[in-house]
C-alpha atoms as a PDB file:
ATOM      1  CA  MET A   1      -1.238  10.855  10.459  1.00  0.00           C
ATOM      2  CA  LYS A   2      -2.872   8.085   8.755  1.00  0.00           C
ATOM      3  CA  ILE A   3      -2.593   4.002   9.341  1.00  0.00           C
ATOM      4  CA  PHE A   4      -3.154   1.026   6.509  1.00  0.00           C
ATOM      5  CA  ASP A   5      -3.716  -2.138   7.541  1.00  0.00           C
ATOM      6  CA  ILE A   6      -2.097  -4.266   5.480  1.00  0.00           C
ATOM      7  CA  SER A   7      -2.810  -7.928   6.758  1.00  0.00           C
ATOM      8  CA  MET A   8      -4.991 -10.520   5.963  1.00  0.00           C
ATOM      9  CA  GLU A   9      -7.915 -11.027   6.833  1.00  0.00           C
ATOM     10  CA  ILE A  10      -7.334 -15.396   8.759  1.00  0.00           C
ATOM     11  CA  ASN A  11     -10.130 -16.881   8.281  1.00  0.00           C
ATOM     12  CA  GLU A  12     -10.531 -20.917   6.954  1.00  0.00           C
ATOM     13  CA  GLY A  13     -11.501 -20.143   4.113  1.00  0.00           C
ATOM     14  CA  MET A  14      -8.125 -18.583   3.458  1.00  0.00           C
ATOM     15  CA  GLY A  15      -5.718 -18.662   0.441  1.00  0.00           C
ATOM     16  CA  VAL A  16      -3.044 -20.815   1.965  1.00  0.00           C
ATOM     17  CA  TRP A  17       0.566 -21.794   0.798  1.00  0.00           C
ATOM     18  CA  LYS A  18       0.437 -24.059  -2.449  1.00  0.00           C
ATOM     19  CA  ASP A  19      -3.631 -25.199  -1.190  1.00  0.00           C
ATOM     20  CA  LYS A  20      -2.200 -27.735   1.230  1.00  0.00           C
ATOM     21  CA  ASP A  21      -4.392 -28.770   3.897  1.00  0.00           C
ATOM     22  CA  ASP A  22      -2.196 -28.998   7.009  1.00  0.00           C
ATOM     23  CA  LYS A  23      -1.324 -24.847   6.113  1.00  0.00           C
ATOM     24  CA  ARG A  24      -5.831 -24.604   6.462  1.00  0.00           C
ATOM     25  CA  PRO A  25      -5.896 -22.391   9.889  1.00  0.00           C
ATOM     26  CA  LYS A  26      -9.421 -24.073  11.758  1.00  0.00           C
ATOM     27  CA  ILE A  27     -10.773 -21.344  14.317  1.00  0.00           C
ATOM     28  CA  GLU A  28     -13.388 -22.304  17.154  1.00  0.00           C
ATOM     29  CA  ILE A  29     -15.284 -20.347  19.684  1.00  0.00           C
ATOM     30  CA  THR A  30     -16.693 -21.253  21.941  1.00  0.00           C
ATOM     31  CA  SER A  31     -18.934 -19.898  25.194  1.00  0.00           C
ATOM     32  CA  THR A  32     -18.122 -20.464  28.660  1.00  0.00           C
ATOM     33  CA  THR A  33     -20.622 -20.920  31.482  1.00  0.00           C
ATOM     34  CA  ARG A  34     -17.991 -19.930  34.318  1.00  0.00           C
ATOM     35  CA  THR A  35     -19.634 -15.876  33.729  1.00  0.00           C
ATOM     36  CA  GLY A  36     -22.111 -16.510  31.333  1.00  0.00           C
ATOM     37  CA  ASN A  37     -21.765 -14.303  29.186  1.00  0.00           C
ATOM     38  CA  ALA A  38     -18.353 -13.967  27.611  1.00  0.00           C
ATOM     39  CA  ASN A  39     -16.428 -15.889  24.517  1.00  0.00           C
ATOM     40  CA  GLU A  40     -13.628 -18.110  24.467  1.00  0.00           C
ATOM     41  CA  SER A  41     -11.165 -18.632  20.835  1.00  0.00           C
ATOM     42  CA  ARG A  42      -8.500 -21.311  20.035  1.00  0.00           C
ATOM     43  CA  PHE A  43      -7.370 -22.065  17.168  1.00  0.00           C
ATOM     44  CA  HIS A  44      -4.784 -23.896  15.057  1.00  0.00           C
ATOM     45  CA  LEU A  45      -2.472 -22.328  12.795  1.00  0.00           C
ATOM     46  CA  ASP A  46       0.604 -22.918  11.274  1.00  0.00           C
ATOM     47  CA  ALA A  47       3.332 -20.039  11.731  1.00  0.00           C
ATOM     48  CA  HIS A  48       3.940 -19.245   8.061  1.00  0.00           C
ATOM     49  CA  THR A  49      -0.288 -18.554   8.183  1.00  0.00           C
ATOM     50  CA  GLY A  50      -1.209 -14.658   6.024  1.00  0.00           C
ATOM     51  CA  THR A  51       0.508 -12.372   6.620  1.00  0.00           C
ATOM     52  CA  HIS A  52       3.343 -13.527   9.173  1.00  0.00           C
ATOM     53  CA  VAL A  53       7.098 -12.747   9.397  1.00  0.00           C
ATOM     54  CA  ASP A  54      10.696 -15.353   8.931  1.00  0.00           C
ATOM     55  CA  ALA A  55      13.154 -15.043  11.371  1.00  0.00           C
ATOM     56  CA  PRO A  56      16.893 -16.431  10.047  1.00  0.00           C
ATOM     57  CA  PHE A  57      16.171 -19.880  11.503  1.00  0.00           C
ATOM     58  CA  HIS A  58      12.887 -20.860   9.362  1.00  0.00           C
ATOM     59  CA  PHE A  59      16.462 -21.943   6.842  1.00  0.00           C
ATOM     60  CA  LEU A  60      19.401 -21.687   8.931  1.00  0.00           C
ATOM     61  CA  GLN A  61      19.951 -24.111  11.369  1.00  0.00           C
ATOM     62  CA  ASN A  62      22.115 -21.496  13.656  1.00  0.00           C
ATOM     63  CA  GLY A  63      19.641 -18.556  13.173  1.00  0.00           C
ATOM     64  CA  LYS A  64      18.134 -16.573  14.995  1.00  0.00           C
ATOM     65  CA  LYS A  65      14.729 -17.768  15.622  1.00  0.00           C
ATOM     66  CA  ILE A  66      11.345 -15.347  16.776  1.00  0.00           C
ATOM     67  CA  ASP A  67      12.051 -14.832  20.423  1.00  0.00           C
ATOM     68  CA  LYS A  68      15.423 -14.040  19.995  1.00  0.00           C
ATOM     69  CA  VAL A  69      15.064 -11.390  17.178  1.00  0.00           C
ATOM     70  CA  SER A  70      15.480  -8.313  18.503  1.00  0.00           C
ATOM     71  CA  ALA A  71      11.829  -5.912  18.101  1.00  0.00           C
ATOM     72  CA  GLU A  72      13.334  -2.896  15.828  1.00  0.00           C
ATOM     73  CA  LYS A  73      13.594  -5.870  13.031  1.00  0.00           C
ATOM     74  CA  PHE A  74       9.845  -5.687  13.102  1.00  0.00           C
ATOM     75  CA  LEU A  75       9.019  -2.186  12.688  1.00  0.00           C
ATOM     76  CA  GLY A  76      10.810   1.359  10.898  1.00  0.00           C
ATOM     77  CA  GLU A  77      11.326   3.648   8.393  1.00  0.00           C
ATOM     78  CA  CYS A  78       9.640   1.920   4.795  1.00  0.00           C
ATOM     79  CA  VAL A  79       9.796   2.703   1.327  1.00  0.00           C
ATOM     80  CA  VAL A  80       7.092   0.640  -1.186  1.00  0.00           C
ATOM     81  CA  ILE A  81       8.182   0.345  -4.759  1.00  0.00           C
ATOM     82  CA  ASP A  82       5.591  -0.630  -7.199  1.00  0.00           C
ATOM     83  CA  LEU A  83       6.590  -3.613  -9.259  1.00  0.00           C
ATOM     84  CA  THR A  84       2.808  -3.915 -10.786  1.00  0.00           C
ATOM     85  CA  ASP A  85       4.422  -4.174 -14.536  1.00  0.00           C
ATOM     86  CA  ILE A  86       6.397  -7.604 -13.836  1.00  0.00           C
ATOM     87  CA  LYS A  87       4.262 -10.748 -14.633  1.00  0.00           C
ATOM     88  CA  ASN A  88       4.688 -14.346 -13.669  1.00  0.00           C
ATOM     89  CA  ARG A  89       8.525 -13.705 -13.045  1.00  0.00           C
ATOM     90  CA  GLY A  90      11.339 -12.641 -10.520  1.00  0.00           C
ATOM     91  CA  ILE A  91      12.075  -9.656  -9.588  1.00  0.00           C
ATOM     92  CA  GLU A  92      16.050  -8.881 -10.816  1.00  0.00           C
ATOM     93  CA  LYS A  93      18.934  -6.872  -9.255  1.00  0.00           C
ATOM     94  CA  VAL A  94      17.841  -5.021 -12.873  1.00  0.00           C
ATOM     95  CA  ASP A  95      14.557  -3.942 -11.473  1.00  0.00           C
ATOM     96  CA  LEU A  96      15.369  -2.591  -7.844  1.00  0.00           C
ATOM     97  CA  ILE A  97      18.375  -1.424  -9.206  1.00  0.00           C
ATOM     98  CA  LYS A  98      17.123   2.996  -9.540  1.00  0.00           C
ATOM     99  CA  ALA A  99      14.707   2.176  -6.587  1.00  0.00           C
ATOM    100  CA  LYS A 100      15.696   5.179  -3.981  1.00  0.00           C
ATOM    101  CA  ILE A 101      16.711   2.070  -0.712  1.00  0.00           C
ATOM    102  CA  ARG A 102      18.807   3.128   1.976  1.00  0.00           C
ATOM    103  CA  LYS A 103      20.813   2.248   4.523  1.00  0.00           C
ATOM    104  CA  ASP A 104      17.798   0.102   7.430  1.00  0.00           C
ATOM    105  CA  ASP A 105      15.150   0.144   5.799  1.00  0.00           C
ATOM    106  CA  ILE A 106      12.567  -1.744   5.720  1.00  0.00           C
ATOM    107  CA  VAL A 107      11.572  -2.811   1.599  1.00  0.00           C
ATOM    108  CA  ILE A 108       8.266  -3.377  -0.141  1.00  0.00           C
ATOM    109  CA  LEU A 109       7.602  -4.870  -2.888  1.00  0.00           C
ATOM    110  CA  LYS A 110       4.686  -4.802  -3.835  1.00  0.00           C
ATOM    111  CA  THR A 111       4.070  -6.792  -7.644  1.00  0.00           C
ATOM    112  CA  SER A 112       1.360  -7.538  -9.610  1.00  0.00           C
ATOM    113  CA  ASN A 113       0.310 -10.758  -7.465  1.00  0.00           C
ATOM    114  CA  GLU A 114      -3.321 -10.964  -6.646  1.00  0.00           C
ATOM    115  CA  TYR A 115      -5.250 -12.834  -3.114  1.00  0.00           C
ATOM    116  CA  LYS A 116      -7.362 -15.618  -4.145  1.00  0.00           C
ATOM    117  CA  LYS A 117      -8.799 -18.677  -2.324  1.00  0.00           C
ATOM    118  CA  THR A 118      -6.597 -21.268  -4.230  1.00  0.00           C
ATOM    119  CA  PHE A 119      -3.148 -20.848  -5.168  1.00  0.00           C
ATOM    120  CA  ASP A 120      -1.013 -18.859  -7.816  1.00  0.00           C
ATOM    121  CA  PHE A 121       1.666 -20.819  -8.926  1.00  0.00           C
ATOM    122  CA  ASN A 122       3.096 -18.180 -11.169  1.00  0.00           C
ATOM    123  CA  PHE A 123       3.332 -15.270  -8.213  1.00  0.00           C
ATOM    124  CA  VAL A 124       5.211 -12.615  -8.584  1.00  0.00           C
ATOM    125  CA  TYR A 125       8.438 -13.500  -6.263  1.00  0.00           C
ATOM    126  CA  LEU A 126      12.536 -12.208  -5.592  1.00  0.00           C
ATOM    127  CA  ALA A 127      14.770 -14.131  -7.337  1.00  0.00           C
ATOM    128  CA  ALA A 128      17.722 -14.546  -6.731  1.00  0.00           C
ATOM    129  CA  SER A 129      20.208 -11.030  -7.606  1.00  0.00           C
ATOM    130  CA  GLY A 130      17.291  -9.570  -6.563  1.00  0.00           C
ATOM    131  CA  ALA A 131      17.834 -10.786  -2.775  1.00  0.00           C
ATOM    132  CA  LYS A 132      21.320 -10.184  -2.849  1.00  0.00           C
ATOM    133  CA  PHE A 133      21.204  -6.563  -4.686  1.00  0.00           C
ATOM    134  CA  LEU A 134      19.162  -6.200  -1.538  1.00  0.00           C
ATOM    135  CA  ALA A 135      21.124  -8.059   1.341  1.00  0.00           C
ATOM    136  CA  SER A 136      24.195  -5.380   0.274  1.00  0.00           C
ATOM    137  CA  LYS A 137      21.985  -2.040   0.385  1.00  0.00           C
ATOM    138  CA  LYS A 138      22.502  -3.021   3.903  1.00  0.00           C
ATOM    139  CA  ILE A 139      18.617  -3.388   4.470  1.00  0.00           C
ATOM    140  CA  LYS A 140      16.334  -3.925   7.937  1.00  0.00           C
ATOM    141  CA  SER A 141      13.309  -6.283   6.862  1.00  0.00           C
ATOM    142  CA  VAL A 142      11.992  -6.508   3.040  1.00  0.00           C
ATOM    143  CA  GLY A 143       7.997  -7.628   2.864  1.00  0.00           C
ATOM    144  CA  ILE A 144       6.356  -9.182  -0.653  1.00  0.00           C
ATOM    145  CA  ASN A 145       2.170  -9.553  -1.103  1.00  0.00           C
ATOM    146  CA  ALA A 146       3.158 -13.091  -2.373  1.00  0.00           C
ATOM    147  CA  LEU A 147       2.185 -15.665   0.172  1.00  0.00           C
ATOM    148  CA  GLY A 148       6.172 -17.085  -0.201  1.00  0.00           C
ATOM    149  CA  ILE A 149       9.506 -14.356  -1.032  1.00  0.00           C
ATOM    150  CA  GLU A 150      10.262 -16.939  -3.678  1.00  0.00           C
ATOM    151  CA  ARG A 151       9.932 -20.129  -5.645  1.00  0.00           C
ATOM    152  CA  SER A 152      10.986 -22.886  -8.025  1.00  0.00           C
ATOM    153  CA  GLN A 153      14.752 -22.294  -6.130  1.00  0.00           C
ATOM    154  CA  PRO A 154      15.703 -25.961  -4.909  1.00  0.00           C
ATOM    155  CA  SER A 155      18.406 -23.941  -2.465  1.00  0.00           C
ATOM    156  CA  TYR A 156      16.519 -21.867  -1.332  1.00  0.00           C
ATOM    157  CA  ASP A 157      18.776 -19.080  -2.658  1.00  0.00           C
ATOM    158  CA  THR A 158      16.936 -15.892  -2.324  1.00  0.00           C
ATOM    159  CA  HIS A 159      15.563 -16.854   1.696  1.00  0.00           C
ATOM    160  CA  LYS A 160      19.152 -17.379   2.732  1.00  0.00           C
ATOM    161  CA  SER A 161      20.804 -14.541   0.649  1.00  0.00           C
ATOM    162  CA  LEU A 162      18.621 -12.518   3.072  1.00  0.00           C
ATOM    163  CA  LEU A 163      18.458 -14.374   6.109  1.00  0.00           C
ATOM    164  CA  GLY A 164      21.618 -14.837   6.696  1.00  0.00           C
ATOM    165  CA  LYS A 165      22.232 -11.294   6.918  1.00  0.00           C
ATOM    166  CA  GLY A 166      19.865 -11.569   8.666  1.00  0.00           C
ATOM    167  CA  ILE A 167      17.202  -9.728   6.574  1.00  0.00           C
ATOM    168  CA  ILE A 168      13.679 -10.596   7.827  1.00  0.00           C
ATOM    169  CA  ILE A 169      11.256 -11.547   5.776  1.00  0.00           C
ATOM    170  CA  PHE A 170       7.943 -10.274   5.476  1.00  0.00           C
ATOM    171  CA  GLU A 171       5.185 -12.256   3.794  1.00  0.00           C
ATOM    172  CA  GLY A 172       0.830 -12.453   2.785  1.00  0.00           C
ATOM    173  CA  LEU A 173       1.252  -8.346   2.781  1.00  0.00           C
ATOM    174  CA  GLU A 174      -1.772  -7.131   1.630  1.00  0.00           C
ATOM    175  CA  LEU A 175      -1.098  -3.551  -0.790  1.00  0.00           C
ATOM    176  CA  SER A 176      -3.522  -3.745  -3.341  1.00  0.00           C
ATOM    177  CA  LYS A 177      -4.538  -0.025  -1.674  1.00  0.00           C
ATOM    178  CA  ILE A 178      -0.722   0.873  -1.148  1.00  0.00           C
ATOM    179  CA  LYS A 179       0.744   3.823  -3.505  1.00  0.00           C
ATOM    180  CA  SER A 180       4.197   3.634  -3.984  1.00  0.00           C
ATOM    181  CA  GLY A 181       6.769   5.982  -1.736  1.00  0.00           C
ATOM    182  CA  ARG A 182       7.761   6.615   2.270  1.00  0.00           C
ATOM    183  CA  TYR A 183       6.298   5.250   5.556  1.00  0.00           C
ATOM    184  CA  PHE A 184       6.928   4.131   8.531  1.00  0.00           C
ATOM    185  CA  PHE A 185       5.833   0.340   9.406  1.00  0.00           C
ATOM    186  CA  ILE A 186       5.423  -2.183  12.232  1.00  0.00           C
ATOM    187  CA  GLY A 187       4.695  -5.278  11.771  1.00  0.00           C
ATOM    188  CA  LEU A 188       5.220  -7.528  15.494  1.00  0.00           C
ATOM    189  CA  PRO A 189       4.825 -11.165  15.952  1.00  0.00           C
ATOM    190  CA  LEU A 190       4.291 -12.981  18.853  1.00  0.00           C
ATOM    191  CA  LYS A 191       7.192 -14.049  21.311  1.00  0.00           C
ATOM    192  CA  VAL A 192       6.640 -17.026  20.673  1.00  0.00           C
ATOM    193  CA  LYS A 193      10.171 -19.705  22.356  1.00  0.00           C
ATOM    194  CA  ASP A 194      12.046 -21.503  19.491  1.00  0.00           C
ATOM    195  CA  GLY A 195       9.864 -20.206  16.531  1.00  0.00           C
ATOM    196  CA  ASP A 196      10.950 -20.154  12.940  1.00  0.00           C
ATOM    197  CA  ALA A 197       7.917 -17.334  12.426  1.00  0.00           C
ATOM    198  CA  SER A 198       4.872 -16.368  13.908  1.00  0.00           C
ATOM    199  CA  PRO A 199       1.822 -14.573  12.039  1.00  0.00           C
ATOM    200  CA  ILE A 200       1.882 -10.789  12.367  1.00  0.00           C
ATOM    201  CA  ARG A 201      -0.941  -7.489  12.593  1.00  0.00           C
ATOM    202  CA  ALA A 202       1.191  -4.982   9.762  1.00  0.00           C
ATOM    203  CA  VAL A 203       0.068  -2.091   9.669  1.00  0.00           C
ATOM    204  CA  LEU A 204       1.878   1.045   7.069  1.00  0.00           C
ATOM    205  CA  VAL A 205       1.417   4.499   8.652  1.00  0.00           C
ATOM    206  CA  LYS A 206       1.457   7.719   6.839  1.00  0.00           C
ATOM    207  CA  PHE A 207       2.650  10.675   8.091  1.00  0.00           C
END
């Protein structure tokens, strides 16, 4: 068994969505005098910081909140699909039609996206046709190595096509060293009451 950590490191200089300052994490580590040798940390994080998961409530007012989503959605059989030949455009149905996707799979989209300290506004994303196709396959969840799964969609079609079918979305995965194929995925969120999202520690397991 081999475990691959596919999580971004959270730090104050990390890349964030559209380089917005209010998305940047703040981390404070302090010493405590109660024991004389302990450290305590305080984090100020947007729920969509780095590697994270979106609950249906993120875009659907009546959608399930993160604390109400069944834990089984966050782990399970997974297929990583290599789409690194796609540049600066959306992943369409035609790009996914030959992929070997099974019912209840967690589908991970490995793209040519790279993480930098500045946001790439031309990142590869999942287009509406690709999202509808994945939803039709009755998958469990979908993930991508980008800070968002869609861009330039005023009606948020990709999010709504997936979340409307109860398909949760993992964003900010770090897949640079991951090969295509089948794995077991684990990406558990914090159980935040009424939350729309949560940072996760995501791993792939190869048996």
